[in-house]
PDB file of N, CA and C in Angstrom:
ATOM      1  N   UNK A   1     -19.900  21.361   2.377  1.00  0.00           N
ATOM      2  CA  UNK A   1     -19.839  20.881   1.017  1.00  0.00           C
ATOM      3  C   UNK A   1     -18.707  19.857   0.915  1.00  0.00           C
ATOM      4  N   UNK A   2     -19.045  18.582   0.921  1.00  0.00           N
ATOM      5  CA  UNK A   2     -18.060  17.514   0.811  1.00  0.00           C
ATOM      6  C   UNK A   2     -18.128  16.903  -0.571  1.00  0.00           C
ATOM      7  N   UNK A   3     -17.131  17.191  -1.385  1.00  0.00           N
ATOM      8  CA  UNK A   3     -17.077  16.649  -2.730  1.00  0.00           C
ATOM      9  C   UNK A   3     -16.139  15.459  -2.771  1.00  0.00           C
ATOM     10  N   UNK A   4     -16.492  14.494  -3.574  1.00  0.00           N
ATOM     11  CA  UNK A   4     -15.603  13.381  -3.837  1.00  0.00           C
ATOM     12  C   UNK A   4     -14.989  13.631  -5.201  1.00  0.00           C
ATOM     13  N   UNK A   5     -13.674  13.627  -5.250  1.00  0.00           N
ATOM     14  CA  UNK A   5     -12.973  13.874  -6.513  1.00  0.00           C
ATOM     15  C   UNK A   5     -12.585  12.524  -7.099  1.00  0.00           C
ATOM     16  N   UNK A   6     -13.134  12.210  -8.249  1.00  0.00           N
ATOM     17  CA  UNK A   6     -12.847  10.945  -8.914  1.00  0.00           C
ATOM     18  C   UNK A   6     -11.458  10.991  -9.536  1.00  0.00           C
ATOM     19  N   UNK A   7     -10.770   9.862  -9.466  1.00  0.00           N
ATOM     20  CA  UNK A   7      -9.483   9.750 -10.134  1.00  0.00           C
ATOM     21  C   UNK A   7      -8.360  10.515  -9.454  1.00  0.00           C
ATOM     22  N   UNK A   8      -8.509  10.853  -8.192  1.00  0.00           N
ATOM     23  CA  UNK A   8      -7.459  11.600  -7.512  1.00  0.00           C
ATOM     24  C   UNK A   8      -6.270  10.695  -7.206  1.00  0.00           C
ATOM     25  N   UNK A   9      -5.133  11.307  -6.951  1.00  0.00           N
ATOM     26  CA  UNK A   9      -3.909  10.571  -6.667  1.00  0.00           C
ATOM     27  C   UNK A   9      -4.065   9.679  -5.442  1.00  0.00           C
ATOM     28  N   UNK A  10      -4.887  10.078  -4.475  1.00  0.00           N
ATOM     29  CA  UNK A  10      -5.063   9.311  -3.252  1.00  0.00           C
ATOM     30  C   UNK A  10      -5.675   7.946  -3.514  1.00  0.00           C
ATOM     31  N   UNK A  11      -6.349   7.769  -4.643  1.00  0.00           N
ATOM     32  CA  UNK A  11      -6.992   6.510  -4.946  1.00  0.00           C
ATOM     33  C   UNK A  11      -6.008   5.473  -5.487  1.00  0.00           C
ATOM     34  N   UNK A  12      -4.832   5.903  -5.879  1.00  0.00           N
ATOM     35  CA  UNK A  12      -3.850   4.985  -6.432  1.00  0.00           C
ATOM     36  C   UNK A  12      -2.998   4.398  -5.318  1.00  0.00           C
ATOM     37  N   UNK A  13      -2.511   3.205  -5.565  1.00  0.00           N
ATOM     38  CA  UNK A  13      -1.693   2.514  -4.583  1.00  0.00           C
ATOM     39  C   UNK A  13      -0.275   3.078  -4.584  1.00  0.00           C
ATOM     40  N   UNK A  14       0.235   3.347  -3.407  1.00  0.00           N
ATOM     41  CA  UNK A  14       1.611   3.828  -3.270  1.00  0.00           C
ATOM     42  C   UNK A  14       2.536   2.781  -3.896  1.00  0.00           C
ATOM     43  N   UNK A  15       3.413   3.188  -4.803  1.00  0.00           N
ATOM     44  CA  UNK A  15       4.283   2.218  -5.484  1.00  0.00           C
ATOM     45  C   UNK A  15       5.171   1.424  -4.531  1.00  0.00           C
ATOM     46  N   UNK A  16       5.497   1.998  -3.382  1.00  0.00           N
ATOM     47  CA  UNK A  16       6.326   1.275  -2.411  1.00  0.00           C
ATOM     48  C   UNK A  16       5.551   0.122  -1.795  1.00  0.00           C
ATOM     49  N   UNK A  17       4.256   0.332  -1.553  1.00  0.00           N
ATOM     50  CA  UNK A  17       3.408  -0.735  -1.013  1.00  0.00           C
ATOM     51  C   UNK A  17       3.233  -1.814  -2.076  1.00  0.00           C
ATOM     52  N   UNK A  18       2.980  -1.389  -3.303  1.00  0.00           N
ATOM     53  CA  UNK A  18       2.818  -2.337  -4.398  1.00  0.00           C
ATOM     54  C   UNK A  18       4.077  -3.194  -4.565  1.00  0.00           C
ATOM     55  N   UNK A  19       5.230  -2.570  -4.496  1.00  0.00           N
ATOM     56  CA  UNK A  19       6.493  -3.314  -4.633  1.00  0.00           C
ATOM     57  C   UNK A  19       6.630  -4.357  -3.531  1.00  0.00           C
ATOM     58  N   UNK A  20       6.212  -4.010  -2.331  1.00  0.00           N
ATOM     59  CA  UNK A  20       6.304  -4.965  -1.216  1.00  0.00           C
ATOM     60  C   UNK A  20       5.326  -6.120  -1.406  1.00  0.00           C
ATOM     61  N   UNK A  21       4.117  -5.822  -1.879  1.00  0.00           N
ATOM     62  CA  UNK A  21       3.139  -6.884  -2.132  1.00  0.00           C
ATOM     63  C   UNK A  21       3.676  -7.824  -3.216  1.00  0.00           C
ATOM     64  N   UNK A  22       4.185  -7.257  -4.310  1.00  0.00           N
ATOM     65  CA  UNK A  22       4.726  -8.072  -5.403  1.00  0.00           C
ATOM     66  C   UNK A  22       5.889  -8.933  -4.916  1.00  0.00           C
ATOM     67  N   UNK A  23       6.753  -8.352  -4.115  1.00  0.00           N
ATOM     68  CA  UNK A  23       7.903  -9.079  -3.591  1.00  0.00           C
ATOM     69  C   UNK A  23       7.464 -10.251  -2.716  1.00  0.00           C
ATOM     70  N   UNK A  24       6.500  -9.994  -1.849  1.00  0.00           N
ATOM     71  CA  UNK A  24       6.002 -11.057  -0.963  1.00  0.00           C
ATOM     72  C   UNK A  24       5.349 -12.180  -1.769  1.00  0.00           C
ATOM     73  N   UNK A  25       4.594 -11.822  -2.800  1.00  0.00           N
ATOM     74  CA  UNK A  25       3.977 -12.838  -3.650  1.00  0.00           C
ATOM     75  C   UNK A  25       5.058 -13.678  -4.342  1.00  0.00           C
ATOM     76  N   UNK A  26       6.059 -12.991  -4.903  1.00  0.00           N
ATOM     77  CA  UNK A  26       7.129 -13.679  -5.619  1.00  0.00           C
ATOM     78  C   UNK A  26       7.889 -14.631  -4.703  1.00  0.00           C
ATOM     79  N   UNK A  27       8.183 -14.191  -3.480  1.00  0.00           N
ATOM     80  CA  UNK A  27       8.911 -15.030  -2.517  1.00  0.00           C
ATOM     81  C   UNK A  27       8.158 -16.316  -2.211  1.00  0.00           C
ATOM     82  N   UNK A  28       6.835 -16.263  -2.321  1.00  0.00           N
ATOM     83  CA  UNK A  28       6.010 -17.421  -2.005  1.00  0.00           C
ATOM     84  C   UNK A  28       5.618 -18.216  -3.255  1.00  0.00           C
ATOM     85  N   UNK A  29       6.091 -17.770  -4.402  1.00  0.00           N
ATOM     86  CA  UNK A  29       5.756 -18.453  -5.647  1.00  0.00           C
ATOM     87  C   UNK A  29       4.299 -18.266  -6.038  1.00  0.00           C
ATOM     88  N   UNK A  30       3.720 -17.146  -5.625  1.00  0.00           N
ATOM     89  CA  UNK A  30       2.314 -16.868  -5.917  1.00  0.00           C
ATOM     90  C   UNK A  30       2.186 -15.824  -7.006  1.00  0.00           C
ATOM     91  N   UNK A  31       1.059 -15.854  -7.671  1.00  0.00           N
ATOM     92  CA  UNK A  31       0.740 -14.861  -8.693  1.00  0.00           C
ATOM     93  C   UNK A  31      -0.352 -13.947  -8.154  1.00  0.00           C
ATOM     94  N   UNK A  32      -0.506 -12.774  -8.746  1.00  0.00           N
ATOM     95  CA  UNK A  32      -1.556 -11.860  -8.303  1.00  0.00           C
ATOM     96  C   UNK A  32      -2.950 -12.499  -8.302  1.00  0.00           C
ATOM     97  N   UNK A  33      -3.209 -13.381  -9.258  1.00  0.00           N
ATOM     98  CA  UNK A  33      -4.519 -14.034  -9.292  1.00  0.00           C
ATOM     99  C   UNK A  33      -4.717 -14.930  -8.067  1.00  0.00           C
ATOM    100  N   UNK A  34      -3.634 -15.510  -7.553  1.00  0.00           N
ATOM    101  CA  UNK A  34      -3.727 -16.322  -6.339  1.00  0.00           C
ATOM    102  C   UNK A  34      -4.161 -15.460  -5.155  1.00  0.00           C
ATOM    103  N   UNK A  35      -3.615 -14.251  -5.104  1.00  0.00           N
ATOM    104  CA  UNK A  35      -4.002 -13.308  -4.057  1.00  0.00           C
ATOM    105  C   UNK A  35      -5.479 -12.966  -4.187  1.00  0.00           C
ATOM    106  N   UNK A  36      -5.903 -12.633  -5.395  1.00  0.00           N
ATOM    107  CA  UNK A  36      -7.304 -12.273  -5.622  1.00  0.00           C
ATOM    108  C   UNK A  36      -8.231 -13.415  -5.212  1.00  0.00           C
ATOM    109  N   UNK A  37      -7.909 -14.608  -5.651  1.00  0.00           N
ATOM    110  CA  UNK A  37      -8.748 -15.775  -5.305  1.00  0.00           C
ATOM    111  C   UNK A  37      -8.758 -16.017  -3.804  1.00  0.00           C
ATOM    112  N   UNK A  38      -7.581 -15.893  -3.168  1.00  0.00           N
ATOM    113  CA  UNK A  38      -7.486 -16.102  -1.729  1.00  0.00           C
ATOM    114  C   UNK A  38      -8.318 -15.109  -0.928  1.00  0.00           C
ATOM    115  N   UNK A  39      -8.477 -13.913  -1.487  1.00  0.00           N
ATOM    116  CA  UNK A  39      -9.270 -12.876  -0.811  1.00  0.00           C
ATOM    117  C   UNK A  39     -10.704 -12.822  -1.340  1.00  0.00           C
ATOM    118  N   UNK A  40     -11.010 -13.721  -2.283  1.00  0.00           N
ATOM    119  CA  UNK A  40     -12.339 -13.778  -2.905  1.00  0.00           C
ATOM    120  C   UNK A  40     -12.672 -12.518  -3.705  1.00  0.00           C
ATOM    121  N   UNK A  41     -11.646 -12.017  -4.423  1.00  0.00           N
ATOM    122  CA  UNK A  41     -11.818 -10.896  -5.333  1.00  0.00           C
ATOM    123  C   UNK A  41     -11.683 -11.413  -6.758  1.00  0.00           C
ATOM    124  N   UNK A  42     -12.052 -10.590  -7.700  1.00  0.00           N
ATOM    125  CA  UNK A  42     -11.973 -10.965  -9.117  1.00  0.00           C
ATOM    126  C   UNK A  42     -10.548 -10.808  -9.649  1.00  0.00           C
ATOM    127  N   UNK A  43     -10.326 -11.438 -10.790  1.00  0.00           N
ATOM    128  CA  UNK A  43      -9.053 -11.264 -11.468  1.00  0.00           C
ATOM    129  C   UNK A  43      -8.828  -9.819 -11.877  1.00  0.00           C
ATOM    130  N   UNK A  44      -9.924  -9.132 -12.217  1.00  0.00           N
ATOM    131  CA  UNK A  44      -9.816  -7.711 -12.583  1.00  0.00           C
ATOM    132  C   UNK A  44      -9.293  -6.894 -11.402  1.00  0.00           C
ATOM    133  N   UNK A  45      -9.715  -7.254 -10.199  1.00  0.00           N
ATOM    134  CA  UNK A  45      -9.237  -6.558  -8.996  1.00  0.00           C
ATOM    135  C   UNK A  45      -7.717  -6.664  -8.919  1.00  0.00           C
ATOM    136  N   UNK A  46      -7.189  -7.890  -9.104  1.00  0.00           N
ATOM    137  CA  UNK A  46      -5.734  -8.056  -9.002  1.00  0.00           C
ATOM    138  C   UNK A  46      -5.009  -7.339 -10.135  1.00  0.00           C
ATOM    139  N   UNK A  47      -5.613  -7.306 -11.329  1.00  0.00           N
ATOM    140  CA  UNK A  47      -4.995  -6.589 -12.442  1.00  0.00           C
ATOM    141  C   UNK A  47      -4.859  -5.106 -12.137  1.00  0.00           C
ATOM    142  N   UNK A  48      -5.937  -4.519 -11.624  1.00  0.00           N
ATOM    143  CA  UNK A  48      -5.900  -3.096 -11.267  1.00  0.00           C
ATOM    144  C   UNK A  48      -4.920  -2.844 -10.124  1.00  0.00           C
ATOM    145  N   UNK A  49      -4.907  -3.746  -9.152  1.00  0.00           N
ATOM    146  CA  UNK A  49      -4.002  -3.599  -8.023  1.00  0.00           C
ATOM    147  C   UNK A  49      -2.548  -3.635  -8.498  1.00  0.00           C
ATOM    148  N   UNK A  50      -2.201  -4.626  -9.306  1.00  0.00           N
ATOM    149  CA  UNK A  50      -0.820  -4.789  -9.770  1.00  0.00           C
ATOM    150  C   UNK A  50      -0.388  -3.660 -10.703  1.00  0.00           C
ATOM    151  N   UNK A  51      -1.342  -3.015 -11.343  1.00  0.00           N
ATOM    152  CA  UNK A  51      -1.019  -1.859 -12.186  1.00  0.00           C
ATOM    153  C   UNK A  51      -0.876  -0.589 -11.346  1.00  0.00           C
ATOM    154  N   UNK A  52      -1.231  -0.678 -10.067  1.00  0.00           N
ATOM    155  CA  UNK A  52      -1.153   0.488  -9.191  1.00  0.00           C
ATOM    156  C   UNK A  52      -2.329   1.420  -9.340  1.00  0.00           C
ATOM    157  N   UNK A  53      -3.346   0.992 -10.072  1.00  0.00           N
ATOM    158  CA  UNK A  53      -4.511   1.851 -10.325  1.00  0.00           C
ATOM    159  C   UNK A  53      -5.545   1.814  -9.205  1.00  0.00           C
ATOM    160  N   UNK A  54      -5.416   0.875  -8.326  1.00  0.00           N
ATOM    161  CA  UNK A  54      -6.416   0.688  -7.275  1.00  0.00           C
ATOM    162  C   UNK A  54      -5.756   0.901  -5.918  1.00  0.00           C
ATOM    163  N   UNK A  55      -6.356   1.760  -5.117  1.00  0.00           N
ATOM    164  CA  UNK A  55      -5.884   1.936  -3.762  1.00  0.00           C
ATOM    165  C   UNK A  55      -6.394   0.803  -2.893  1.00  0.00           C
ATOM    166  N   UNK A  56      -5.933   0.742  -1.673  1.00  0.00           N
ATOM    167  CA  UNK A  56      -6.369  -0.279  -0.732  1.00  0.00           C
ATOM    168  C   UNK A  56      -6.952   0.372   0.509  1.00  0.00           C
ATOM    169  N   UNK A  57      -7.974  -0.239   1.047  1.00  0.00           N
ATOM    170  CA  UNK A  57      -8.463   0.189   2.353  1.00  0.00           C
ATOM    171  C   UNK A  57      -7.563  -0.452   3.402  1.00  0.00           C
ATOM    172  N   UNK A  58      -7.655   0.024   4.611  1.00  0.00           N
ATOM    173  CA  UNK A  58      -6.890  -0.576   5.705  1.00  0.00           C
ATOM    174  C   UNK A  58      -7.298  -2.040   5.859  1.00  0.00           C
ATOM    175  N   UNK A  59      -8.585  -2.314   5.761  1.00  0.00           N
ATOM    176  CA  UNK A  59      -9.054  -3.700   5.890  1.00  0.00           C
ATOM    177  C   UNK A  59      -8.479  -4.592   4.798  1.00  0.00           C
ATOM    178  N   UNK A  60      -8.402  -4.085   3.579  1.00  0.00           N
ATOM    179  CA  UNK A  60      -7.828  -4.882   2.495  1.00  0.00           C
ATOM    180  C   UNK A  60      -6.340  -5.137   2.735  1.00  0.00           C
ATOM    181  N   UNK A  61      -5.635  -4.126   3.209  1.00  0.00           N
ATOM    182  CA  UNK A  61      -4.220  -4.292   3.506  1.00  0.00           C
ATOM    183  C   UNK A  61      -4.029  -5.365   4.581  1.00  0.00           C
ATOM    184  N   UNK A  62      -4.877  -5.340   5.589  1.00  0.00           N
ATOM    185  CA  UNK A  62      -4.810  -6.346   6.658  1.00  0.00           C
ATOM    186  C   UNK A  62      -5.104  -7.732   6.094  1.00  0.00           C
ATOM    187  N   UNK A  63      -6.106  -7.840   5.243  1.00  0.00           N
ATOM    188  CA  UNK A  63      -6.452  -9.136   4.655  1.00  0.00           C
ATOM    189  C   UNK A  63      -5.324  -9.671   3.782  1.00  0.00           C
ATOM    190  N   UNK A  64      -4.674  -8.776   3.035  1.00  0.00           N
ATOM    191  CA  UNK A  64      -3.534  -9.195   2.217  1.00  0.00           C
ATOM    192  C   UNK A  64      -2.423  -9.719   3.118  1.00  0.00           C
ATOM    193  N   UNK A  65      -2.130  -8.985   4.184  1.00  0.00           N
ATOM    194  CA  UNK A  65      -1.090  -9.412   5.124  1.00  0.00           C
ATOM    195  C   UNK A  65      -1.438 -10.759   5.749  1.00  0.00           C
ATOM    196  N   UNK A  66      -2.686 -10.949   6.118  1.00  0.00           N
ATOM    197  CA  UNK A  66      -3.100 -12.237   6.686  1.00  0.00           C
ATOM    198  C   UNK A  66      -2.934 -13.356   5.669  1.00  0.00           C
ATOM    199  N   UNK A  67      -3.317 -13.092   4.425  1.00  0.00           N
ATOM    200  CA  UNK A  67      -3.161 -14.086   3.362  1.00  0.00           C
ATOM    201  C   UNK A  67      -1.688 -14.473   3.204  1.00  0.00           C
ATOM    202  N   UNK A  68      -0.808 -13.478   3.294  1.00  0.00           N
ATOM    203  CA  UNK A  68       0.630 -13.701   3.143  1.00  0.00           C
ATOM    204  C   UNK A  68       1.292 -14.154   4.441  1.00  0.00           C
ATOM    205  N   UNK A  69       0.503 -14.179   5.515  1.00  0.00           N
ATOM    206  CA  UNK A  69       0.991 -14.588   6.831  1.00  0.00           C
ATOM    207  C   UNK A  69       2.141 -13.705   7.324  1.00  0.00           C
ATOM    208  N   UNK A  70       1.940 -12.382   7.179  1.00  0.00           N
ATOM    209  CA  UNK A  70       2.915 -11.408   7.658  1.00  0.00           C
ATOM    210  C   UNK A  70       2.171 -10.314   8.421  1.00  0.00           C
ATOM    211  N   UNK A  71       2.903  -9.511   9.155  1.00  0.00           N
ATOM    212  CA  UNK A  71       2.303  -8.377   9.860  1.00  0.00           C
ATOM    213  C   UNK A  71       1.983  -7.293   8.832  1.00  0.00           C
ATOM    214  N   UNK A  72       0.825  -6.628   8.948  1.00  0.00           N
ATOM    215  CA  UNK A  72       0.471  -5.578   7.983  1.00  0.00           C
ATOM    216  C   UNK A  72       1.538  -4.500   7.812  1.00  0.00           C
ATOM    217  N   UNK A  73       2.256  -4.181   8.870  1.00  0.00           N
ATOM    218  CA  UNK A  73       3.283  -3.137   8.769  1.00  0.00           C
ATOM    219  C   UNK A  73       4.408  -3.539   7.819  1.00  0.00           C
ATOM    220  N   UNK A  74       4.564  -4.826   7.540  1.00  0.00           N
ATOM    221  CA  UNK A  74       5.604  -5.283   6.620  1.00  0.00           C
ATOM    222  C   UNK A  74       5.313  -4.830   5.196  1.00  0.00           C
ATOM    223  N   UNK A  75       4.058  -4.426   4.923  1.00  0.00           N
ATOM    224  CA  UNK A  75       3.687  -3.968   3.592  1.00  0.00           C
ATOM    225  C   UNK A  75       3.750  -2.446   3.457  1.00  0.00           C
ATOM    226  N   UNK A  76       4.019  -1.767   4.549  1.00  0.00           N
ATOM    227  CA  UNK A  76       4.056  -0.300   4.529  1.00  0.00           C
ATOM    228  C   UNK A  76       5.462   0.208   4.262  1.00  0.00           C
ATOM    229  N   UNK A  77       5.570   1.383   3.655  1.00  0.00           N
ATOM    230  CA  UNK A  77       6.897   1.948   3.389  1.00  0.00           C
ATOM    231  C   UNK A  77       7.648   2.224   4.682  1.00  0.00           C
ATOM    232  N   UNK A  78       8.931   1.984   4.659  1.00  0.00           N
ATOM    233  CA  UNK A  78       9.778   2.305   5.803  1.00  0.00           C
ATOM    234  C   UNK A  78      10.228   3.750   5.651  1.00  0.00           C
ATOM    235  N   UNK A  79       9.690   4.623   6.491  1.00  0.00           N
ATOM    236  CA  UNK A  79      10.070   6.038   6.399  1.00  0.00           C
ATOM    237  C   UNK A  79      10.958   6.455   7.568  1.00  0.00           C
ATOM    238  N   UNK A  80      11.468   5.464   8.282  1.00  0.00           N
ATOM    239  CA  UNK A  80      12.420   5.755   9.334  1.00  0.00           C
ATOM    240  C   UNK A  80      11.822   6.051  10.696  1.00  0.00           C
ATOM    241  N   UNK A  81      10.524   5.831  10.871  1.00  0.00           N
ATOM    242  CA  UNK A  81       9.902   6.058  12.169  1.00  0.00           C
ATOM    243  C   UNK A  81      10.360   4.963  13.117  1.00  0.00           C
ATOM    244  N   UNK A  82      10.788   5.363  14.281  1.00  0.00           N
ATOM    245  CA  UNK A  82      11.281   4.418  15.280  1.00  0.00           C
ATOM    246  C   UNK A  82      10.334   4.397  16.480  1.00  0.00           C
ATOM    247  N   UNK A  83      10.193   3.244  17.143  1.00  0.00           N
ATOM    248  CA  UNK A  83       9.235   3.128  18.246  1.00  0.00           C
ATOM    249  C   UNK A  83       9.426   4.144  19.369  1.00  0.00           C
ATOM    250  N   UNK A  84      10.661   4.568  19.615  1.00  0.00           N
ATOM    251  CA  UNK A  84      10.915   5.485  20.728  1.00  0.00           C
ATOM    252  C   UNK A  84      10.885   6.959  20.317  1.00  0.00           C
ATOM    253  N   UNK A  85      10.487   7.243  19.074  1.00  0.00           N
ATOM    254  CA  UNK A  85      10.446   8.628  18.598  1.00  0.00           C
ATOM    255  C   UNK A  85       9.302   9.403  19.241  1.00  0.00           C
ATOM    256  N   UNK A  86       9.547  10.664  19.444  1.00  0.00           N
ATOM    257  CA  UNK A  86       8.531  11.594  19.904  1.00  0.00           C
ATOM    258  C   UNK A  86       7.459  11.722  18.809  1.00  0.00           C
ATOM    259  N   UNK A  87       6.205  11.858  19.201  1.00  0.00           N
ATOM    260  CA  UNK A  87       5.097  11.946  18.252  1.00  0.00           C
ATOM    261  C   UNK A  87       5.303  13.096  17.277  1.00  0.00           C
ATOM    262  N   UNK A  88       5.729  14.242  17.762  1.00  0.00           N
ATOM    263  CA  UNK A  88       5.946  15.399  16.892  1.00  0.00           C
ATOM    264  C   UNK A  88       7.015  15.114  15.849  1.00  0.00           C
ATOM    265  N   UNK A  89       8.090  14.440  16.245  1.00  0.00           N
ATOM    266  CA  UNK A  89       9.144  14.099  15.292  1.00  0.00           C
ATOM    267  C   UNK A  89       8.629  13.116  14.251  1.00  0.00           C
ATOM    268  N   UNK A  90       7.797  12.164  14.654  1.00  0.00           N
ATOM    269  CA  UNK A  90       7.183  11.229  13.702  1.00  0.00           C
ATOM    270  C   UNK A  90       6.350  11.982  12.682  1.00  0.00           C
ATOM    271  N   UNK A  91       5.561  12.927  13.152  1.00  0.00           N
ATOM    272  CA  UNK A  91       4.711  13.720  12.250  1.00  0.00           C
ATOM    273  C   UNK A  91       5.572  14.513  11.276  1.00  0.00           C
ATOM    274  N   UNK A  92       6.636  15.147  11.785  1.00  0.00           N
ATOM    275  CA  UNK A  92       7.530  15.912  10.906  1.00  0.00           C
ATOM    276  C   UNK A  92       8.151  15.000   9.841  1.00  0.00           C
ATOM    277  N   UNK A  93       8.559  13.805  10.241  1.00  0.00           N
ATOM    278  CA  UNK A  93       9.173  12.872   9.311  1.00  0.00           C
ATOM    279  C   UNK A  93       8.178  12.441   8.227  1.00  0.00           C
ATOM    280  N   UNK A  94       6.960  12.157   8.625  1.00  0.00           N
ATOM    281  CA  UNK A  94       5.931  11.755   7.666  1.00  0.00           C
ATOM    282  C   UNK A  94       5.622  12.891   6.699  1.00  0.00           C
ATOM    283  N   UNK A  95       5.520  14.112   7.217  1.00  0.00           N
ATOM    284  CA  UNK A  95       5.243  15.273   6.355  1.00  0.00           C
ATOM    285  C   UNK A  95       6.393  15.472   5.368  1.00  0.00           C
ATOM    286  N   UNK A  96       7.633  15.369   5.830  1.00  0.00           N
ATOM    287  CA  UNK A  96       8.788  15.508   4.937  1.00  0.00           C
ATOM    288  C   UNK A  96       8.737  14.460   3.824  1.00  0.00           C
ATOM    289  N   UNK A  97       8.401  13.228   4.186  1.00  0.00           N
ATOM    290  CA  UNK A  97       8.319  12.147   3.202  1.00  0.00           C
ATOM    291  C   UNK A  97       7.234  12.426   2.168  1.00  0.00           C
ATOM    292  N   UNK A  98       6.093  12.923   2.606  1.00  0.00           N
ATOM    293  CA  UNK A  98       5.003  13.232   1.670  1.00  0.00           C
ATOM    294  C   UNK A  98       5.371  14.396   0.751  1.00  0.00           C
ATOM    295  N   UNK A  99       6.047  15.391   1.281  1.00  0.00           N
ATOM    296  CA  UNK A  99       6.499  16.517   0.451  1.00  0.00           C
ATOM    297  C   UNK A  99       7.501  16.026  -0.588  1.00  0.00           C
ATOM    298  N   UNK A 100       8.433  15.200  -0.161  1.00  0.00           N
ATOM    299  CA  UNK A 100       9.438  14.642  -1.071  1.00  0.00           C
ATOM    300  C   UNK A 100       8.754  13.841  -2.183  1.00  0.00           C
ATOM    301  N   UNK A 101       7.783  13.016  -1.815  1.00  0.00           N
ATOM    302  CA  UNK A 101       7.068  12.196  -2.793  1.00  0.00           C
ATOM    303  C   UNK A 101       6.325  13.076  -3.787  1.00  0.00           C
ATOM    304  N   UNK A 102       5.710  14.159  -3.311  1.00  0.00           N
ATOM    305  CA  UNK A 102       4.985  15.079  -4.184  1.00  0.00           C
ATOM    306  C   UNK A 102       5.926  15.757  -5.158  1.00  0.00           C
ATOM    307  N   UNK A 103       7.066  16.209  -4.667  1.00  0.00           N
ATOM    308  CA  UNK A 103       8.044  16.890  -5.527  1.00  0.00           C
ATOM    309  C   UNK A 103       8.585  15.927  -6.581  1.00  0.00           C
ATOM    310  N   UNK A 104       8.888  14.687  -6.186  1.00  0.00           N
ATOM    311  CA  UNK A 104       9.434  13.712  -7.130  1.00  0.00           C
ATOM    312  C   UNK A 104       8.433  13.314  -8.204  1.00  0.00           C
ATOM    313  N   UNK A 105       7.154  13.405  -7.902  1.00  0.00           N
ATOM    314  CA  UNK A 105       6.136  12.986  -8.879  1.00  0.00           C
ATOM    315  C   UNK A 105       5.855  14.062  -9.922  1.00  0.00           C
ATOM    316  N   UNK A 106       6.414  15.249  -9.740  1.00  0.00           N
ATOM    317  CA  UNK A 106       6.166  16.356 -10.701  1.00  0.00           C
ATOM    318  C   UNK A 106       7.231  16.447 -11.739  1.00  0.00           C
TER     319      UNK A 106
END
């Protein structure tokens, strides 16, 4: 039984990612509508995105990064994961960050 839950928190854009997208646009003198047009999306898409109401797929995140001419990871939150970290430690760090985010949102 696989249910899709409408309006769940997972569908919203992480505010840290949104802040990075907004910052990158501002640094380039671009507006959200410029991003939408560059990606061939509607103005409504950019409005929902900038309000944080719309989540992004991995492909959309990559397309945004390409439009901004940056690496996709530059749009992701920095949670302190380092390239030489053990996989288990990375997982623990990510879980701690998600727990912290959940607690702060309540």
